[in-house]
Amino acid sequence: MTSWKIVRIVAGMFILLSLALGLPQSPLFHSAYWLLFTTFVGLNLLQSGFTGWCLMETMLRKAGIQSGC
């Protein structure tokens, strides 16, 4: 699996988990502050789309994960 696929899978999992923990309607609700984490992940994805740089992808490549398009 390539680094860009891993980044997107992890980002999607983080968003879904933080929504499950942050929305009062969820059976897993813990605190509405989890929605700040959702915002953080979304802003990082937005910045990555404009700049083409992602810290997690850089770290994965340094760890030996193959880069991909």
PDB file of N, CA and C in Angstrom:
ATOM      1  N   MET A   1       0.855  -1.176   0.000  1.00  0.00           N
ATOM      2  CA  MET A   1       0.000   0.000   0.000  1.00  0.00           C
ATOM      3  C   MET A   1       0.899   1.236   0.000  1.00  0.00           C
ATOM      4  N   THR A   2       0.494   2.234  -0.733  1.00  0.00           N
ATOM      5  CA  THR A   2       1.309   3.445  -0.854  1.00  0.00           C
ATOM      6  C   THR A   2       0.981   4.443   0.265  1.00  0.00           C
ATOM      7  N   SER A   3       1.906   5.382   0.456  1.00  0.00           N
ATOM      8  CA  SER A   3       1.763   6.353   1.547  1.00  0.00           C
ATOM      9  C   SER A   3       0.509   7.211   1.398  1.00  0.00           C
ATOM     10  N   TRP A   4       0.164   7.608   0.175  1.00  0.00           N
ATOM     11  CA  TRP A   4      -1.008   8.484   0.013  1.00  0.00           C
ATOM     12  C   TRP A   4      -2.292   7.745   0.336  1.00  0.00           C
ATOM     13  N   LYS A   5      -2.346   6.438   0.064  1.00  0.00           N
ATOM     14  CA  LYS A   5      -3.540   5.671   0.418  1.00  0.00           C
ATOM     15  C   LYS A   5      -3.663   5.540   1.930  1.00  0.00           C
ATOM     16  N   ILE A   6      -2.541   5.294   2.591  1.00  0.00           N
ATOM     17  CA  ILE A   6      -2.556   5.170   4.058  1.00  0.00           C
ATOM     18  C   ILE A   6      -3.018   6.472   4.693  1.00  0.00           C
ATOM     19  N   VAL A   7      -2.510   7.596   4.199  1.00  0.00           N
ATOM     20  CA  VAL A   7      -2.887   8.907   4.746  1.00  0.00           C
ATOM     21  C   VAL A   7      -4.391   9.117   4.627  1.00  0.00           C
ATOM     22  N   ARG A   8      -4.951   8.809   3.502  1.00  0.00           N
ATOM     23  CA  ARG A   8      -6.381   9.029   3.291  1.00  0.00           C
ATOM     24  C   ARG A   8      -7.238   8.078   4.114  1.00  0.00           C
ATOM     25  N   ILE A   9      -6.791   6.835   4.261  1.00  0.00           N
ATOM     26  CA  ILE A   9      -7.519   5.880   5.098  1.00  0.00           C
ATOM     27  C   ILE A   9      -7.507   6.321   6.555  1.00  0.00           C
ATOM     28  N   VAL A  10      -6.334   6.717   7.046  1.00  0.00           N
ATOM     29  CA  VAL A  10      -6.214   7.165   8.438  1.00  0.00           C
ATOM     30  C   VAL A  10      -7.036   8.437   8.661  1.00  0.00           C
ATOM     31  N   ALA A  11      -6.982   9.378   7.726  1.00  0.00           N
ATOM     32  CA  ALA A  11      -7.764  10.617   7.867  1.00  0.00           C
ATOM     33  C   ALA A  11      -9.256  10.306   7.921  1.00  0.00           C
ATOM     34  N   GLY A  12      -9.721   9.416   7.058  1.00  0.00           N
ATOM     35  CA  GLY A  12     -11.128   9.026   7.073  1.00  0.00           C
ATOM     36  C   GLY A  12     -11.527   8.366   8.379  1.00  0.00           C
ATOM     37  N   MET A  13     -10.657   7.490   8.885  1.00  0.00           N
ATOM     38  CA  MET A  13     -10.941   6.829  10.166  1.00  0.00           C
ATOM     39  C   MET A  13     -10.972   7.841  11.306  1.00  0.00           C
ATOM     40  N   PHE A  14     -10.026   8.801  11.309  1.00  0.00           N
ATOM     41  CA  PHE A  14     -10.016   9.834  12.350  1.00  0.00           C
ATOM     42  C   PHE A  14     -11.287  10.669  12.313  1.00  0.00           C
ATOM     43  N   ILE A  15     -11.727  11.038  11.126  1.00  0.00           N
ATOM     44  CA  ILE A  15     -12.942  11.852  11.004  1.00  0.00           C
ATOM     45  C   ILE A  15     -14.160  11.086  11.512  1.00  0.00           C
ATOM     46  N   LEU A  16     -14.308   9.840  11.077  1.00  0.00           N
ATOM     47  CA  LEU A  16     -15.465   9.055  11.520  1.00  0.00           C
ATOM     48  C   LEU A  16     -15.439   8.807  13.025  1.00  0.00           C
ATOM     49  N   LEU A  17     -14.275   8.495  13.568  1.00  0.00           N
ATOM     50  CA  LEU A  17     -14.166   8.254  15.007  1.00  0.00           C
ATOM     51  C   LEU A  17     -14.468   9.520  15.806  1.00  0.00           C
ATOM     52  N   SER A  18     -13.910  10.663  15.375  1.00  0.00           N
ATOM     53  CA  SER A  18     -14.154  11.893  16.127  1.00  0.00           C
ATOM     54  C   SER A  18     -15.607  12.343  16.012  1.00  0.00           C
ATOM     55  N   LEU A  19     -16.252  12.068  14.884  1.00  0.00           N
ATOM     56  CA  LEU A  19     -17.683  12.366  14.777  1.00  0.00           C
ATOM     57  C   LEU A  19     -18.487  11.465  15.712  1.00  0.00           C
ATOM     58  N   ALA A  20     -18.131  10.189  15.771  1.00  0.00           N
ATOM     59  CA  ALA A  20     -18.837   9.264  16.661  1.00  0.00           C
ATOM     60  C   ALA A  20     -18.679   9.673  18.118  1.00  0.00           C
ATOM     61  N   LEU A  21     -17.522  10.217  18.472  1.00  0.00           N
ATOM     62  CA  LEU A  21     -17.278  10.628  19.857  1.00  0.00           C
ATOM     63  C   LEU A  21     -17.794  12.033  20.159  1.00  0.00           C
ATOM     64  N   GLY A  22     -18.032  12.845  19.103  1.00  0.00           N
ATOM     65  CA  GLY A  22     -18.395  14.237  19.325  1.00  0.00           C
ATOM     66  C   GLY A  22     -19.837  14.611  19.086  1.00  0.00           C
ATOM     67  N   LEU A  23     -20.595  13.764  18.398  1.00  0.00           N
ATOM     68  CA  LEU A  23     -21.996  14.092  18.128  1.00  0.00           C
ATOM     69  C   LEU A  23     -22.901  13.543  19.228  1.00  0.00           C
ATOM     70  N   PRO A  24     -23.718  14.389  19.820  1.00  0.00           N
ATOM     71  CA  PRO A  24     -24.592  13.939  20.918  1.00  0.00           C
ATOM     72  C   PRO A  24     -25.547  12.806  20.521  1.00  0.00           C
ATOM     73  N   GLN A  25     -25.885  12.686  19.243  1.00  0.00           N
ATOM     74  CA  GLN A  25     -26.797  11.644  18.801  1.00  0.00           C
ATOM     75  C   GLN A  25     -26.127  10.264  18.749  1.00  0.00           C
ATOM     76  N   SER A  26     -24.813  10.235  18.824  1.00  0.00           N
ATOM     77  CA  SER A  26     -24.071   8.978  18.703  1.00  0.00           C
ATOM     78  C   SER A  26     -24.111   8.190  20.011  1.00  0.00           C
ATOM     79  N   PRO A  27     -24.215   6.860  19.917  1.00  0.00           N
ATOM     80  CA  PRO A  27     -24.159   6.044  21.136  1.00  0.00           C
ATOM     81  C   PRO A  27     -22.766   6.048  21.765  1.00  0.00           C
ATOM     82  N   LEU A  28     -21.751   6.505  21.031  1.00  0.00           N
ATOM     83  CA  LEU A  28     -20.383   6.569  21.551  1.00  0.00           C
ATOM     84  C   LEU A  28     -20.021   7.964  22.059  1.00  0.00           C
ATOM     85  N   PHE A  29     -21.013   8.858  22.129  1.00  0.00           N
ATOM     86  CA  PHE A  29     -20.753  10.258  22.499  1.00  0.00           C
ATOM     87  C   PHE A  29     -19.946  10.357  23.790  1.00  0.00           C
ATOM     88  N   HIS A  30     -18.922  11.211  23.728  1.00  0.00           N
ATOM     89  CA  HIS A  30     -18.089  11.467  24.904  1.00  0.00           C
ATOM     90  C   HIS A  30     -18.063  12.954  25.232  1.00  0.00           C
ATOM     91  N   SER A  31     -17.722  13.780  24.229  1.00  0.00           N
ATOM     92  CA  SER A  31     -17.652  15.222  24.429  1.00  0.00           C
ATOM     93  C   SER A  31     -17.726  15.921  23.072  1.00  0.00           C
ATOM     94  N   ALA A  32     -18.372  17.057  23.048  1.00  0.00           N
ATOM     95  CA  ALA A  32     -18.476  17.824  21.805  1.00  0.00           C
ATOM     96  C   ALA A  32     -17.117  18.362  21.367  1.00  0.00           C
ATOM     97  N   TYR A  33     -16.145  18.384  22.251  1.00  0.00           N
ATOM     98  CA  TYR A  33     -14.808  18.857  21.899  1.00  0.00           C
ATOM     99  C   TYR A  33     -14.119  17.956  20.880  1.00  0.00           C
ATOM    100  N   TRP A  34     -14.595  16.737  20.705  1.00  0.00           N
ATOM    101  CA  TRP A  34     -14.047  15.863  19.676  1.00  0.00           C
ATOM    102  C   TRP A  34     -14.275  16.438  18.283  1.00  0.00           C
ATOM    103  N   LEU A  35     -15.265  17.298  18.134  1.00  0.00           N
ATOM    104  CA  LEU A  35     -15.516  17.914  16.836  1.00  0.00           C
ATOM    105  C   LEU A  35     -14.384  18.860  16.436  1.00  0.00           C
ATOM    106  N   LEU A  36     -13.628  19.349  17.404  1.00  0.00           N
ATOM    107  CA  LEU A  36     -12.440  20.158  17.095  1.00  0.00           C
ATOM    108  C   LEU A  36     -11.390  19.306  16.385  1.00  0.00           C
ATOM    109  N   PHE A  37     -11.280  18.046  16.762  1.00  0.00           N
ATOM    110  CA  PHE A  37     -10.350  17.142  16.095  1.00  0.00           C
ATOM    111  C   PHE A  37     -10.787  16.899  14.650  1.00  0.00           C
ATOM    112  N   THR A  38     -12.098  16.773  14.434  1.00  0.00           N
ATOM    113  CA  THR A  38     -12.624  16.640  13.073  1.00  0.00           C
ATOM    114  C   THR A  38     -12.227  17.855  12.245  1.00  0.00           C
ATOM    115  N   THR A  39     -12.361  19.040  12.819  1.00  0.00           N
ATOM    116  CA  THR A  39     -11.984  20.280  12.142  1.00  0.00           C
ATOM    117  C   THR A  39     -10.498  20.290  11.820  1.00  0.00           C
ATOM    118  N   PHE A  40      -9.666  19.869  12.764  1.00  0.00           N
ATOM    119  CA  PHE A  40      -8.216  19.822  12.571  1.00  0.00           C
ATOM    120  C   PHE A  40      -7.850  18.925  11.391  1.00  0.00           C
ATOM    121  N   VAL A  41      -8.431  17.731  11.335  1.00  0.00           N
ATOM    122  CA  VAL A  41      -8.144  16.799  10.244  1.00  0.00           C
ATOM    123  C   VAL A  41      -8.607  17.391   8.908  1.00  0.00           C
ATOM    124  N   GLY A  42      -9.791  17.971   8.892  1.00  0.00           N
ATOM    125  CA  GLY A  42     -10.309  18.583   7.674  1.00  0.00           C
ATOM    126  C   GLY A  42      -9.437  19.727   7.177  1.00  0.00           C
ATOM    127  N   LEU A  43      -8.968  20.562   8.095  1.00  0.00           N
ATOM    128  CA  LEU A  43      -8.092  21.672   7.705  1.00  0.00           C
ATOM    129  C   LEU A  43      -6.757  21.164   7.167  1.00  0.00           C
ATOM    130  N   ASN A  44      -6.236  20.098   7.755  1.00  0.00           N
ATOM    131  CA  ASN A  44      -4.992  19.524   7.249  1.00  0.00           C
ATOM    132  C   ASN A  44      -5.175  18.938   5.848  1.00  0.00           C
ATOM    133  N   LEU A  45      -6.318  18.297   5.600  1.00  0.00           N
ATOM    134  CA  LEU A  45      -6.591  17.783   4.258  1.00  0.00           C
ATOM    135  C   LEU A  45      -6.718  18.927   3.252  1.00  0.00           C
ATOM    136  N   LEU A  46      -7.365  20.006   3.653  1.00  0.00           N
ATOM    137  CA  LEU A  46      -7.518  21.172   2.791  1.00  0.00           C
ATOM    138  C   LEU A  46      -6.160  21.787   2.462  1.00  0.00           C
ATOM    139  N   GLN A  47      -5.331  21.977   3.465  1.00  0.00           N
ATOM    140  CA  GLN A  47      -3.998  22.541   3.265  1.00  0.00           C
ATOM    141  C   GLN A  47      -3.157  21.635   2.394  1.00  0.00           C
ATOM    142  N   SER A  48      -3.279  20.334   2.564  1.00  0.00           N
ATOM    143  CA  SER A  48      -2.534  19.384   1.745  1.00  0.00           C
ATOM    144  C   SER A  48      -2.971  19.453   0.284  1.00  0.00           C
ATOM    145  N   GLY A  49      -4.251  19.681   0.057  1.00  0.00           N
ATOM    146  CA  GLY A  49      -4.746  19.806  -1.303  1.00  0.00           C
ATOM    147  C   GLY A  49      -4.187  21.016  -2.029  1.00  0.00           C
ATOM    148  N   PHE A  50      -3.997  22.106  -1.297  1.00  0.00           N
ATOM    149  CA  PHE A  50      -3.471  23.323  -1.913  1.00  0.00           C
ATOM    150  C   PHE A  50      -1.957  23.302  -2.051  1.00  0.00           C
ATOM    151  N   THR A  51      -1.255  22.773  -1.040  1.00  0.00           N
ATOM    152  CA  THR A  51       0.201  22.850  -1.041  1.00  0.00           C
ATOM    153  C   THR A  51       0.870  21.587  -1.585  1.00  0.00           C
ATOM    154  N   GLY A  52       0.168  20.459  -1.558  1.00  0.00           N
ATOM    155  CA  GLY A  52       0.760  19.205  -2.000  1.00  0.00           C
ATOM    156  C   GLY A  52       1.676  18.577  -0.963  1.00  0.00           C
ATOM    157  N   TRP A  53       1.692  19.115   0.261  1.00  0.00           N
ATOM    158  CA  TRP A  53       2.556  18.595   1.319  1.00  0.00           C
ATOM    159  C   TRP A  53       1.719  18.115   2.489  1.00  0.00           C
ATOM    160  N   CYS A  54       2.088  16.944   3.013  1.00  0.00           N
ATOM    161  CA  CYS A  54       1.411  16.375   4.173  1.00  0.00           C
ATOM    162  C   CYS A  54       2.460  15.783   5.099  1.00  0.00           C
ATOM    163  N   LEU A  55       2.472  16.191   6.351  1.00  0.00           N
ATOM    164  CA  LEU A  55       3.468  15.728   7.305  1.00  0.00           C
ATOM    165  C   LEU A  55       3.402  14.214   7.489  1.00  0.00           C
ATOM    166  N   MET A  56       2.200  13.661   7.607  1.00  0.00           N
ATOM    167  CA  MET A  56       2.081  12.223   7.822  1.00  0.00           C
ATOM    168  C   MET A  56       2.641  11.441   6.636  1.00  0.00           C
ATOM    169  N   GLU A  57       2.402  11.923   5.431  1.00  0.00           N
ATOM    170  CA  GLU A  57       2.932  11.246   4.249  1.00  0.00           C
ATOM    171  C   GLU A  57       4.461  11.303   4.230  1.00  0.00           C
ATOM    172  N   THR A  58       5.025  12.430   4.631  1.00  0.00           N
ATOM    173  CA  THR A  58       6.469  12.561   4.726  1.00  0.00           C
ATOM    174  C   THR A  58       7.035  11.569   5.737  1.00  0.00           C
ATOM    175  N   MET A  59       6.385  11.439   6.879  1.00  0.00           N
ATOM    176  CA  MET A  59       6.839  10.502   7.907  1.00  0.00           C
ATOM    177  C   MET A  59       6.733   9.056   7.423  1.00  0.00           C
ATOM    178  N   LEU A  60       5.658   8.728   6.713  1.00  0.00           N
ATOM    179  CA  LEU A  60       5.502   7.374   6.192  1.00  0.00           C
ATOM    180  C   LEU A  60       6.584   7.042   5.169  1.00  0.00           C
ATOM    181  N   ARG A  61       6.921   7.991   4.306  1.00  0.00           N
ATOM    182  CA  ARG A  61       7.971   7.754   3.317  1.00  0.00           C
ATOM    183  C   ARG A  61       9.321   7.543   3.992  1.00  0.00           C
ATOM    184  N   LYS A  62       9.595   8.314   5.054  1.00  0.00           N
ATOM    185  CA  LYS A  62      10.841   8.125   5.798  1.00  0.00           C
ATOM    186  C   LYS A  62      10.873   6.780   6.506  1.00  0.00           C
ATOM    187  N   ALA A  63       9.709   6.241   6.817  1.00  0.00           N
ATOM    188  CA  ALA A  63       9.619   4.937   7.462  1.00  0.00           C
ATOM    189  C   ALA A  63       9.737   3.793   6.442  1.00  0.00           C
ATOM    190  N   GLY A  64       9.853   4.148   5.164  1.00  0.00           N
ATOM    191  CA  GLY A  64      10.055   3.127   4.150  1.00  0.00           C
ATOM    192  C   GLY A  64       8.832   2.736   3.351  1.00  0.00           C
ATOM    193  N   ILE A  65       7.713   3.418   3.588  1.00  0.00           N
ATOM    194  CA  ILE A  65       6.499   3.137   2.823  1.00  0.00           C
ATOM    195  C   ILE A  65       6.634   3.753   1.443  1.00  0.00           C
ATOM    196  N   GLN A  66       6.258   3.014   0.421  1.00  0.00           N
ATOM    197  CA  GLN A  66       6.371   3.474  -0.955  1.00  0.00           C
ATOM    198  C   GLN A  66       5.467   4.681  -1.212  1.00  0.00           C
ATOM    199  N   SER A  67       6.033   5.687  -1.881  1.00  0.00           N
ATOM    200  CA  SER A  67       5.247   6.847  -2.270  1.00  0.00           C
ATOM    201  C   SER A  67       4.368   6.476  -3.455  1.00  0.00           C
ATOM    202  N   GLY A  68       3.232   7.125  -3.580  1.00  0.00           N
ATOM    203  CA  GLY A  68       2.336   6.808  -4.691  1.00  0.00           C
ATOM    204  C   GLY A  68       1.570   8.013  -5.160  1.00  0.00           C
ATOM    205  N   CYS A  69       1.046   7.921  -6.371  1.00  0.00           N
ATOM    206  CA  CYS A  69       0.281   9.031  -6.965  1.00  0.00           C
ATOM    207  C   CYS A  69      -1.188   8.733  -6.931  1.00  0.00           C
TER     208      CYS A  69
END
